[in-house]
C-alpha atoms as a PDB file:
ATOM      1  CA  MET A   1      -7.222 -23.435   1.115  1.00  0.00           C
ATOM      2  CA  PRO A   2      -8.816 -22.162  -2.060  1.00  0.00           C
ATOM      3  CA  LYS A   3      -7.452 -23.521  -5.243  1.00  0.00           C
ATOM      4  CA  ALA A   4      -5.032 -21.197  -6.995  1.00  0.00           C
ATOM      5  CA  ALA A   5      -6.441 -19.787 -10.240  1.00  0.00           C
ATOM      6  CA  ILE A   6      -5.022 -21.238 -13.455  1.00  0.00           C
ATOM      7  CA  LEU A   7      -4.209 -18.491 -15.996  1.00  0.00           C
ATOM      8  CA  SER A   8      -6.483 -18.639 -18.901  1.00  0.00           C
ATOM      9  CA  PHE A   9      -5.086 -17.715 -22.351  1.00  0.00           C
ATOM     10  CA  THR A  10      -8.401 -16.686 -23.855  1.00  0.00           C
ATOM     11  CA  ILE A  11      -7.823 -13.500 -25.932  1.00  0.00           C
ATOM     12  CA  LEU A  12     -10.005 -10.800 -24.630  1.00  0.00           C
ATOM     13  CA  SER A  13     -10.846  -7.204 -25.682  1.00  0.00           C
ATOM     14  CA  PHE A  14      -9.746  -4.431 -23.359  1.00  0.00           C
ATOM     15  CA  SER A  15     -10.439  -0.731 -23.692  1.00  0.00           C
ATOM     16  CA  GLY A  16     -11.260   2.227 -21.457  1.00  0.00           C
ATOM     17  CA  ALA A  17     -14.839   2.056 -22.562  1.00  0.00           C
ATOM     18  CA  ALA A  18     -15.424  -1.468 -21.285  1.00  0.00           C
ATOM     19  CA  ALA A  19     -17.116  -2.229 -17.922  1.00  0.00           C
ATOM     20  CA  GLN A  20     -14.636  -2.162 -15.138  1.00  0.00           C
ATOM     21  CA  THR A  21     -14.760  -4.396 -12.105  1.00  0.00           C
ATOM     22  CA  TRP A  22     -13.819  -2.815  -8.915  1.00  0.00           C
ATOM     23  CA  MET A  23     -12.803  -4.636  -5.733  1.00  0.00           C
ATOM     24  CA  HIS A  24     -13.117  -3.563  -2.056  1.00  0.00           C
ATOM     25  CA  HIS A  25     -12.949  -5.058   1.356  1.00  0.00           C
ATOM     26  CA  PRO A  26     -16.663  -5.698   2.461  1.00  0.00           C
ATOM     27  CA  GLN A  27     -16.117  -4.605   6.036  1.00  0.00           C
ATOM     28  CA  ALA A  28     -13.336  -2.036   6.096  1.00  0.00           C
ATOM     29  CA  ASN A  29     -14.128   1.598   6.948  1.00  0.00           C
ATOM     30  CA  ALA A  30     -12.802   4.697   5.193  1.00  0.00           C
ATOM     31  CA  THR A  31      -9.560   4.830   7.131  1.00  0.00           C
ATOM     32  CA  GLN A  32      -8.583   1.140   7.018  1.00  0.00           C
ATOM     33  CA  GLN A  33      -5.575   0.043   5.058  1.00  0.00           C
ATOM     34  CA  VAL A  34      -6.207  -3.336   3.348  1.00  0.00           C
ATOM     35  CA  TRP A  35      -4.167  -6.436   2.150  1.00  0.00           C
ATOM     36  CA  PHE A  36      -5.313  -7.917  -1.192  1.00  0.00           C
ATOM     37  CA  ARG A  37      -3.952 -11.112  -2.525  1.00  0.00           C
ATOM     38  CA  HIS A  38      -4.408 -13.425  -5.516  1.00  0.00           C
ATOM     39  CA  ASP A  39      -2.978 -17.016  -5.804  1.00  0.00           C
ATOM     40  CA  LEU A  40      -2.099 -17.720  -9.538  1.00  0.00           C
ATOM     41  CA  SER A  41      -0.796 -21.036 -10.868  1.00  0.00           C
ATOM     42  CA  LEU A  42       0.944 -20.953 -14.063  1.00  0.00           C
ATOM     43  CA  HIS A  43       1.901 -24.084 -16.174  1.00  0.00           C
ATOM     44  CA  ASP A  44       4.555 -22.035 -17.995  1.00  0.00           C
ATOM     45  CA  VAL A  45       5.894 -18.530 -17.195  1.00  0.00           C
ATOM     46  CA  PRO A  46       4.604 -16.057 -19.852  1.00  0.00           C
ATOM     47  CA  GLN A  47       6.906 -14.303 -22.288  1.00  0.00           C
ATOM     48  CA  GLN A  48       5.664 -11.075 -20.733  1.00  0.00           C
ATOM     49  CA  MET A  49       3.130 -10.146 -18.101  1.00  0.00           C
ATOM     50  CA  HIS A  50       1.824  -6.632 -17.037  1.00  0.00           C
ATOM     51  CA  LEU A  51      -0.110  -5.989 -13.872  1.00  0.00           C
ATOM     52  CA  ASN A  52      -2.479  -2.950 -14.491  1.00  0.00           C
ATOM     53  CA  VAL A  53      -3.626  -1.461 -11.144  1.00  0.00           C
ATOM     54  CA  ALA A  54      -6.152   1.362 -10.884  1.00  0.00           C
ATOM     55  CA  SER A  55      -7.063   3.017  -7.604  1.00  0.00           C
ATOM     56  CA  ALA A  56      -8.262   6.349  -6.070  1.00  0.00           C
ATOM     57  CA  GLY A  57      -6.156   5.360  -2.983  1.00  0.00           C
ATOM     58  CA  ARG A  58      -2.446   4.594  -2.519  1.00  0.00           C
ATOM     59  CA  PHE A  59      -0.839   1.099  -3.055  1.00  0.00           C
ATOM     60  CA  ILE A  60       2.289  -1.065  -3.163  1.00  0.00           C
ATOM     61  CA  VAL A  61       2.358  -4.082  -5.377  1.00  0.00           C
ATOM     62  CA  TYR A  62       4.178  -7.325  -4.532  1.00  0.00           C
ATOM     63  CA  VAL A  63       4.672 -10.660  -6.533  1.00  0.00           C
ATOM     64  CA  ASN A  64       5.938 -13.528  -4.626  1.00  0.00           C
ATOM     65  CA  GLY A  65       6.933 -11.204  -1.819  1.00  0.00           C
ATOM     66  CA  TYR A  66       8.957  -8.856  -3.966  1.00  0.00           C
ATOM     67  CA  HIS A  67       8.180  -5.163  -4.258  1.00  0.00           C
ATOM     68  CA  VAL A  68       7.743  -4.846  -8.036  1.00  0.00           C
ATOM     69  CA  SER A  69       9.066  -1.307  -8.498  1.00  0.00           C
ATOM     70  CA  LYS A  70      11.466   1.266  -7.258  1.00  0.00           C
ATOM     71  CA  GLU A  71       8.787   3.608  -6.011  1.00  0.00           C
ATOM     72  CA  LEU A  72       7.739   3.680  -2.217  1.00  0.00           C
ATOM     73  CA  PHE A  73       4.188   3.646  -3.172  1.00  0.00           C
ATOM     74  CA  SER A  74       1.827   4.812  -5.939  1.00  0.00           C
ATOM     75  CA  GLY A  75      -1.296   6.887  -6.226  1.00  0.00           C
ATOM     76  CA  ASN A  76      -2.415  10.466  -6.872  1.00  0.00           C
ATOM     77  CA  ALA A  77      -2.236  13.098  -4.185  1.00  0.00           C
ATOM     78  CA  ASP A  78      -5.678  14.431  -4.808  1.00  0.00           C
ATOM     79  CA  GLY A  79      -7.959  11.140  -4.728  1.00  0.00           C
ATOM     80  CA  ALA A  80      -8.263  10.940  -8.448  1.00  0.00           C
ATOM     81  CA  VAL A  81      -8.017   7.418 -10.059  1.00  0.00           C
ATOM     82  CA  ALA A  82      -4.591   6.552 -10.889  1.00  0.00           C
ATOM     83  CA  LEU A  83      -3.597   3.645 -13.365  1.00  0.00           C
ATOM     84  CA  HIS A  84      -0.126   2.195 -12.947  1.00  0.00           C
ATOM     85  CA  VAL A  85       1.277  -0.560 -15.170  1.00  0.00           C
ATOM     86  CA  TYR A  86       3.909  -2.935 -13.818  1.00  0.00           C
ATOM     87  CA  ASP A  87       6.070  -5.339 -15.814  1.00  0.00           C
ATOM     88  CA  VAL A  88       6.040  -8.338 -13.416  1.00  0.00           C
ATOM     89  CA  THR A  89       7.619 -10.970 -15.711  1.00  0.00           C
ATOM     90  CA  ARG A  90      10.846 -11.288 -13.869  1.00  0.00           C
ATOM     91  CA  PHE A  91       9.117 -12.164 -10.536  1.00  0.00           C
ATOM     92  CA  LEU A  92       6.922 -15.017 -11.905  1.00  0.00           C
ATOM     93  CA  ARG A  93       7.781 -18.673 -11.608  1.00  0.00           C
ATOM     94  CA  SER A  94       6.199 -21.895 -12.861  1.00  0.00           C
ATOM     95  CA  GLY A  95       3.712 -23.269 -10.427  1.00  0.00           C
ATOM     96  CA  ASP A  96       2.179 -21.116  -7.681  1.00  0.00           C
ATOM     97  CA  ASN A  97       2.517 -17.440  -7.516  1.00  0.00           C
ATOM     98  CA  ILE A  98       1.119 -14.798  -5.123  1.00  0.00           C
ATOM     99  CA  ILE A  99       0.101 -11.294  -6.217  1.00  0.00           C
ATOM    100  CA  GLY A 100      -0.268  -8.949  -3.192  1.00  0.00           C
ATOM    101  CA  VAL A 101      -1.371  -5.369  -3.064  1.00  0.00           C
ATOM    102  CA  TRP A 102      -1.084  -3.215   0.112  1.00  0.00           C
ATOM    103  CA  TYR A 103      -3.821  -0.528  -0.246  1.00  0.00           C
ATOM    104  CA  ALA A 104      -4.443   2.508   1.724  1.00  0.00           C
ATOM    105  CA  PRO A 105      -7.271   5.117   1.399  1.00  0.00           C
ATOM    106  CA  ALA A 106      -6.356   8.570  -0.030  1.00  0.00           C
ATOM    107  CA  PRO A 107      -5.173  11.008   2.682  1.00  0.00           C
ATOM    108  CA  GLU A 108      -7.849  12.917   4.726  1.00  0.00           C
ATOM    109  CA  GLY A 109     -10.313  14.770   2.934  1.00  0.00           C
ATOM    110  CA  TYR A 110     -10.442  12.819  -0.131  1.00  0.00           C
ATOM    111  CA  THR A 111     -11.955   9.440   0.775  1.00  0.00           C
ATOM    112  CA  THR A 112     -15.753   9.127   0.083  1.00  0.00           C
ATOM    113  CA  ASP A 113     -18.273   6.349   0.376  1.00  0.00           C
ATOM    114  CA  ASP A 114     -18.076   5.947  -3.328  1.00  0.00           C
ATOM    115  CA  ALA A 115     -14.334   5.576  -3.349  1.00  0.00           C
ATOM    116  CA  MET A 116     -14.501   3.029  -0.626  1.00  0.00           C
ATOM    117  CA  LEU A 117     -16.420   0.759  -3.001  1.00  0.00           C
ATOM    118  CA  ARG A 118     -13.788   1.316  -5.760  1.00  0.00           C
ATOM    119  CA  GLN A 119     -10.536   0.494  -3.813  1.00  0.00           C
ATOM    120  CA  LEU A 120      -8.779  -1.486  -6.685  1.00  0.00           C
ATOM    121  CA  ASN A 121      -9.205  -2.597 -10.256  1.00  0.00           C
ATOM    122  CA  ILE A 122      -6.580  -4.984 -11.310  1.00  0.00           C
ATOM    123  CA  THR A 123      -6.038  -6.600 -14.774  1.00  0.00           C
ATOM    124  CA  LEU A 124      -3.331  -9.108 -15.978  1.00  0.00           C
ATOM    125  CA  ALA A 125      -2.175  -8.808 -19.578  1.00  0.00           C
ATOM    126  CA  GLY A 126       0.755 -10.039 -21.641  1.00  0.00           C
ATOM    127  CA  ILE A 127       2.011 -12.705 -23.899  1.00  0.00           C
ATOM    128  CA  THR A 128       1.836 -16.375 -23.248  1.00  0.00           C
ATOM    129  CA  ALA A 129       4.747 -18.776 -23.453  1.00  0.00           C
ATOM    130  CA  ASP A 130       3.615 -19.861 -26.892  1.00  0.00           C
ATOM    131  CA  GLY A 131       3.167 -16.149 -28.212  1.00  0.00           C
ATOM    132  CA  HIS A 132      -0.464 -15.489 -27.786  1.00  0.00           C
ATOM    133  CA  HIS A 133      -1.661 -12.171 -26.226  1.00  0.00           C
ATOM    134  CA  PHE A 134      -4.106 -12.332 -23.235  1.00  0.00           C
ATOM    135  CA  THR A 135      -5.955 -10.071 -20.828  1.00  0.00           C
ATOM    136  CA  MET A 136      -7.472 -11.451 -17.576  1.00  0.00           C
ATOM    137  CA  ASP A 137      -9.783  -9.594 -15.113  1.00  0.00           C
ATOM    138  CA  ASP A 138     -10.308 -12.385 -12.584  1.00  0.00           C
ATOM    139  CA  SER A 139     -11.733 -10.266  -9.586  1.00  0.00           C
ATOM    140  CA  LYS A 140     -13.477 -13.375  -8.081  1.00  0.00           C
ATOM    141  CA  GLY A 141     -10.054 -14.798  -7.415  1.00  0.00           C
ATOM    142  CA  TRP A 142      -9.031 -12.138  -4.997  1.00  0.00           C
ATOM    143  CA  PHE A 143      -9.099 -12.239  -1.161  1.00  0.00           C
ATOM    144  CA  CYS A 144      -8.653  -9.445   1.358  1.00  0.00           C
ATOM    145  CA  ARG A 145      -8.075  -8.681   5.019  1.00  0.00           C
ATOM    146  CA  GLN A 146      -7.694  -5.735   7.163  1.00  0.00           C
ATOM    147  CA  ALA A 147      -3.878  -4.738   7.442  1.00  0.00           C
ATOM    148  CA  ASN A 148      -2.291  -3.623  10.682  1.00  0.00           C
ATOM    149  CA  ALA A 149      -2.656   0.058   9.899  1.00  0.00           C
ATOM    150  CA  ARG A 150      -5.097   2.950   9.037  1.00  0.00           C
ATOM    151  CA  ILE A 151      -5.017   6.481   7.961  1.00  0.00           C
ATOM    152  CA  THR A 152      -5.645   9.066  10.749  1.00  0.00           C
ATOM    153  CA  MET A 153      -6.171  12.719  10.789  1.00  0.00           C
ATOM    154  CA  GLY A 154      -2.672  14.033  10.034  1.00  0.00           C
ATOM    155  CA  GLY A 155      -0.859  10.715   9.888  1.00  0.00           C
ATOM    156  CA  GLU A 156      -1.106   6.980  10.424  1.00  0.00           C
ATOM    157  CA  PHE A 157      -1.666   4.378  13.128  1.00  0.00           C
ATOM    158  CA  ILE A 158       0.371   1.225  12.810  1.00  0.00           C
ATOM    159  CA  ASP A 159      -0.024  -1.687  15.118  1.00  0.00           C
ATOM    160  CA  GLY A 160       3.430  -3.511  14.919  1.00  0.00           C
ATOM    161  CA  MET A 161       2.077  -6.269  17.077  1.00  0.00           C
ATOM    162  CA  ASN A 162      -0.505  -7.318  14.409  1.00  0.00           C
ATOM    163  CA  TYR A 163       1.766  -7.305  11.340  1.00  0.00           C
ATOM    164  CA  LYS A 164       1.378 -10.516   9.398  1.00  0.00           C
ATOM    165  CA  SER A 165       4.795 -11.017   7.648  1.00  0.00           C
ATOM    166  CA  SER A 166       3.411 -13.863   5.451  1.00  0.00           C
ATOM    167  CA  TRP A 167       0.412 -11.984   4.169  1.00  0.00           C
ATOM    168  CA  ASN A 168       1.833 -11.812   0.666  1.00  0.00           C
ATOM    169  CA  THR A 169       4.025 -14.933   0.704  1.00  0.00           C
ATOM    170  CA  GLY A 170       2.573 -17.721   2.957  1.00  0.00           C
ATOM    171  CA  PRO A 171      -0.420 -20.110   2.502  1.00  0.00           C
ATOM    172  CA  LEU A 172      -3.764 -18.461   2.190  1.00  0.00           C
ATOM    173  CA  ARG A 173      -5.517 -19.407   5.457  1.00  0.00           C
ATOM    174  CA  ILE A 174      -9.136 -19.141   4.365  1.00  0.00           C
ATOM    175  CA  MET A 175     -10.357 -18.491   8.052  1.00  0.00           C
ATOM    176  CA  GLU A 176      -8.280 -15.224   7.993  1.00  0.00           C
ATOM    177  CA  TRP A 177      -9.409 -13.809   4.632  1.00  0.00           C
ATOM    178  CA  LEU A 178     -12.580 -12.713   2.927  1.00  0.00           C
ATOM    179  CA  PRO A 179     -13.527 -12.849  -0.730  1.00  0.00           C
ATOM    180  CA  THR A 180     -13.389  -9.284  -2.227  1.00  0.00           C
ATOM    181  CA  ALA A 181     -16.595  -7.572  -2.709  1.00  0.00           C
ATOM    182  CA  CYS A 182     -16.978  -6.326  -6.389  1.00  0.00           C
ATOM    183  CA  ILE A 183     -18.913  -3.893  -8.417  1.00  0.00           C
ATOM    184  CA  ALA A 184     -18.884  -3.461 -12.187  1.00  0.00           C
ATOM    185  CA  GLU A 185     -19.565  -0.281 -14.124  1.00  0.00           C
ATOM    186  CA  ASP A 186     -18.888   1.506 -17.364  1.00  0.00           C
ATOM    187  CA  GLY A 187     -16.099   3.865 -16.211  1.00  0.00           C
ATOM    188  CA  ARG A 188     -18.202   6.480 -14.521  1.00  0.00           C
ATOM    189  CA  TRP A 189     -19.117   6.955 -10.964  1.00  0.00           C
ATOM    190  CA  LYS A 190     -20.875   9.695  -8.880  1.00  0.00           C
ATOM    191  CA  THR A 191     -18.904  12.165  -6.659  1.00  0.00           C
ATOM    192  CA  GLU A 192     -20.095  13.705  -3.499  1.00  0.00           C
ATOM    193  CA  ASN A 193     -22.191  16.345  -5.150  1.00  0.00           C
ATOM    194  CA  ASN A 194     -23.867  13.498  -7.265  1.00  0.00           C
ATOM    195  CA  SER A 195     -22.276  14.447 -10.618  1.00  0.00           C
ATOM    196  CA  LEU A 196     -20.987  11.728 -12.761  1.00  0.00           C
ATOM    197  CA  ARG A 197     -17.160  11.673 -12.833  1.00  0.00           C
ATOM    198  CA  VAL A 198     -15.363   9.902 -15.792  1.00  0.00           C
ATOM    199  CA  MET A 199     -12.438   7.966 -14.668  1.00  0.00           C
ATOM    200  CA  GLN A 200      -9.128   8.613 -16.501  1.00  0.00           C
ATOM    201  CA  TRP A 201      -7.026   5.484 -17.544  1.00  0.00           C
ATOM    202  CA  GLN A 202      -3.936   7.267 -18.857  1.00  0.00           C
ATOM    203  CA  SER A 203      -0.855   6.133 -16.924  1.00  0.00           C
ATOM    204  CA  ASP A 204       0.881   9.365 -17.634  1.00  0.00           C
ATOM    205  CA  ASP A 205      -1.682  11.107 -15.208  1.00  0.00           C
ATOM    206  CA  THR A 206      -0.457   9.082 -12.319  1.00  0.00           C
ATOM    207  CA  HIS A 207       2.090   9.810  -9.541  1.00  0.00           C
ATOM    208  CA  ALA A 208       4.505   7.660  -7.718  1.00  0.00           C
ATOM    209  CA  PHE A 209       6.461   8.595  -4.545  1.00  0.00           C
ATOM    210  CA  TYR A 210      10.201   8.126  -4.146  1.00  0.00           C
ATOM    211  CA  ILE A 211      12.958   8.879  -1.632  1.00  0.00           C
ATOM    212  CA  LYS A 212      15.030  11.867  -2.542  1.00  0.00           C
ATOM    213  CA  ARG A 213      17.455  11.880   0.348  1.00  0.00           C
ATOM    214  CA  ILE A 214      18.038  10.913   3.921  1.00  0.00           C
ATOM    215  CA  LEU A 215      19.209  13.218   6.692  1.00  0.00           C
ATOM    216  CA  GLN A 216      20.720  11.926   9.893  1.00  0.00           C
ATOM    217  CA  ARG A 217      22.431  14.836  11.661  1.00  0.00           C
ATOM    218  CA  ALA A 218      20.281  16.775  13.968  1.00  0.00           C
ATOM    219  CA  LYS A 219      20.221  18.859  17.202  1.00  0.00           C
ATOM    220  CA  VAL A 220      18.477  17.041  20.047  1.00  0.00           C
ATOM    221  CA  ILE A 221      16.403  18.563  22.786  1.00  0.00           C
ATOM    222  CA  GLN A 222      14.709  16.566  25.488  1.00  0.00           C
ATOM    223  CA  GLN A 223      11.626  17.683  27.425  1.00  0.00           C
ATOM    224  CA  GLY A 224      10.569  14.828  29.666  1.00  0.00           C
ATOM    225  CA  ARG A 225       9.185  12.073  27.542  1.00  0.00           C
ATOM    226  CA  THR A 226       9.342  14.250  24.445  1.00  0.00           C
ATOM    227  CA  ILE A 227      12.561  14.281  22.475  1.00  0.00           C
ATOM    228  CA  ILE A 228      12.990  16.730  19.508  1.00  0.00           C
ATOM    229  CA  TYR A 229      15.348  16.224  16.734  1.00  0.00           C
ATOM    230  CA  ASP A 230      15.895  19.277  14.493  1.00  0.00           C
ATOM    231  CA  PHE A 231      17.524  18.578  11.154  1.00  0.00           C
ATOM    232  CA  GLY A 232      18.026  22.404  10.433  1.00  0.00           C
ATOM    233  CA  GLU A 233      15.884  22.664   7.235  1.00  0.00           C
ATOM    234  CA  PRO A 234      12.332  22.051   6.089  1.00  0.00           C
ATOM    235  CA  VAL A 235      11.789  18.463   4.802  1.00  0.00           C
ATOM    236  CA  ASN A 236       8.522  16.810   3.479  1.00  0.00           C
ATOM    237  CA  GLY A 237       8.305  13.050   3.990  1.00  0.00           C
ATOM    238  CA  TRP A 238       8.841  10.640   6.847  1.00  0.00           C
ATOM    239  CA  VAL A 239      10.496  10.610  10.071  1.00  0.00           C
ATOM    240  CA  ARG A 240      12.043   7.143  10.535  1.00  0.00           C
ATOM    241  CA  VAL A 241      12.794   6.134  14.128  1.00  0.00           C
ATOM    242  CA  THR A 242      14.731   3.012  15.145  1.00  0.00           C
ATOM    243  CA  LEU A 243      13.684   1.928  18.540  1.00  0.00           C
ATOM    244  CA  ARG A 244      15.593  -0.358  20.907  1.00  0.00           C
ATOM    245  CA  GLY A 245      14.423  -1.782  24.193  1.00  0.00           C
ATOM    246  CA  CYS A 246      10.794  -0.773  24.134  1.00  0.00           C
ATOM    247  CA  LYS A 247       8.244  -3.316  25.397  1.00  0.00           C
ATOM    248  CA  LYS A 248       5.645  -5.090  23.503  1.00  0.00           C
ATOM    249  CA  GLY A 249       2.374  -2.931  23.282  1.00  0.00           C
ATOM    250  CA  GLU A 250       4.064   0.370  24.159  1.00  0.00           C
ATOM    251  CA  MET A 251       2.951   3.346  22.076  1.00  0.00           C
ATOM    252  CA  VAL A 252       5.342   5.760  20.462  1.00  0.00           C
ATOM    253  CA  GLU A 253       4.269   8.894  18.649  1.00  0.00           C
ATOM    254  CA  VAL A 254       6.219  10.596  15.930  1.00  0.00           C
ATOM    255  CA  ASN A 255       4.894  13.698  14.092  1.00  0.00           C
ATOM    256  CA  GLY A 256       1.411  12.304  13.666  1.00  0.00           C
ATOM    257  CA  LEU A 257       2.244   8.644  13.570  1.00  0.00           C
ATOM    258  CA  ARG A 258       1.155   6.426  16.372  1.00  0.00           C
ATOM    259  CA  TYR A 259       3.171   3.191  16.539  1.00  0.00           C
ATOM    260  CA  VAL A 260       2.492   0.174  18.725  1.00  0.00           C
ATOM    261  CA  CYS A 261       5.783  -1.584  19.580  1.00  0.00           C
ATOM    262  CA  THR A 262       6.492  -5.254  18.884  1.00  0.00           C
ATOM    263  CA  GLY A 263       9.040  -5.615  21.726  1.00  0.00           C
ATOM    264  CA  LYS A 264      11.792  -6.727  19.298  1.00  0.00           C
ATOM    265  CA  THR A 265      15.378  -5.592  19.876  1.00  0.00           C
ATOM    266  CA  ASP A 266      15.417  -3.013  17.013  1.00  0.00           C
ATOM    267  CA  GLU A 267      12.255  -2.070  15.306  1.00  0.00           C
ATOM    268  CA  GLN A 268      11.432   1.036  13.098  1.00  0.00           C
ATOM    269  CA  ALA A 269       8.483   3.458  13.567  1.00  0.00           C
ATOM    270  CA  CYS A 270       7.675   5.024  10.195  1.00  0.00           C
ATOM    271  CA  ARG A 271       4.683   6.010   8.049  1.00  0.00           C
ATOM    272  CA  ARG A 272       3.984   3.910   4.969  1.00  0.00           C
ATOM    273  CA  PHE A 273       1.462   5.919   2.794  1.00  0.00           C
ATOM    274  CA  THR A 274       1.356   9.540   4.104  1.00  0.00           C
ATOM    275  CA  THR A 275       3.801  12.387   4.367  1.00  0.00           C
ATOM    276  CA  GLY A 276       4.207  15.333   6.448  1.00  0.00           C
ATOM    277  CA  GLU A 277       6.763  17.835   7.994  1.00  0.00           C
ATOM    278  CA  ALA A 278      10.003  15.860   8.728  1.00  0.00           C
ATOM    279  CA  GLY A 279      12.608  18.557   9.287  1.00  0.00           C
ATOM    280  CA  THR A 280      11.777  18.471  12.870  1.00  0.00           C
ATOM    281  CA  ALA A 281      11.029  15.180  14.631  1.00  0.00           C
ATOM    282  CA  ARG A 282       8.882  15.235  17.816  1.00  0.00           C
ATOM    283  CA  ILE A 283       8.991  11.971  19.419  1.00  0.00           C
ATOM    284  CA  ILE A 284       6.800  11.058  22.488  1.00  0.00           C
ATOM    285  CA  LEU A 285       8.032   8.046  24.236  1.00  0.00           C
ATOM    286  CA  PRO A 286       6.085   5.714  26.746  1.00  0.00           C
ATOM    287  CA  ALA A 287       6.557   6.288  30.463  1.00  0.00           C
ATOM    288  CA  GLY A 288       9.963   4.986  31.747  1.00  0.00           C
ATOM    289  CA  ARG A 289      11.565   5.309  28.262  1.00  0.00           C
ATOM    290  CA  GLY A 290      14.185   7.849  27.254  1.00  0.00           C
ATOM    291  CA  ARG A 291      16.804   8.793  24.750  1.00  0.00           C
ATOM    292  CA  SER A 292      18.685   5.549  25.174  1.00  0.00           C
ATOM    293  CA  ASN A 293      15.723   3.812  23.559  1.00  0.00           C
ATOM    294  CA  ILE A 294      16.162   5.625  20.433  1.00  0.00           C
ATOM    295  CA  ALA A 295      18.883   4.010  18.270  1.00  0.00           C
ATOM    296  CA  ARG A 296      18.581   6.312  15.237  1.00  0.00           C
ATOM    297  CA  VAL A 297      16.372   8.937  13.920  1.00  0.00           C
ATOM    298  CA  GLU A 298      16.262   9.838  10.196  1.00  0.00           C
ATOM    299  CA  ALA A 299      14.412  12.528   8.057  1.00  0.00           C
ATOM    300  CA  VAL A 300      13.495  10.793   4.845  1.00  0.00           C
ATOM    301  CA  GLU A 301      12.702  13.441   2.036  1.00  0.00           C
ATOM    302  CA  ILE A 302      10.041  12.241  -0.310  1.00  0.00           C
ATOM    303  CA  TYR A 303       9.125  13.581  -3.752  1.00  0.00           C
ATOM    304  CA  SER A 304       6.415  12.482  -6.233  1.00  0.00           C
ATOM    305  CA  LYS A 305       6.561  12.535 -10.067  1.00  0.00           C
END
């Protein structure tokens, strides 16, 4: 197990003009979602610590297993670099801490080879327990592994059987993780047409995605293995299906989502980073399954701001 990084309280300069270090998974392709984590050891809990996360993709931030914000996920809709700042002070503890980031490429049409090499930029900044300001960009202390999901044309593929629940809480098993690959640059990178693009680091240019409402009442039509739930109005967001009695390894399709079942008594098939038409849910069940295997269907309306 790698030794947890000990927070250095050296005061560093930090500005948008400084060179930025970008991290990426060295083997992931343009569709793969990735788990990133950093093990951090603190002698004393800082008075304040902010986690600054920049990405052209979408992401969720965890500290010691806790989702650090009220948003479902963060990131711009058009693949532009978004910078989000999270106050994570209340999630920290003396001793070992785990920072985890679940990253997904931008939806179809925006992910480029350049963007793949610039998946995340993460900086810690705050005030130490004894009142000193600090900034830390310790990209070498980050590890990564491929998540159990990927972005697909029009949706997502999620392999429930390969979800690792301890990826952001348990011991870092070095045989299962890779050190992140890194590149450093001055805040500019080339786009597909080879022109230089200056990255924007203003947090007010970013977007976050939230739940607006959840609809549960729907008309139901069954056509063989296909079951259609009509909620009666257009909804953009997720269809969330609670399954019961499906076998391990069976595939369920829901409006562009392909979900591999775990075989647990109750499990949910739902997107994580993409949205789509959810006012009508078209569910295709495995052979031998029927409406009795669907415990609940919800239309989750999602908005961004």
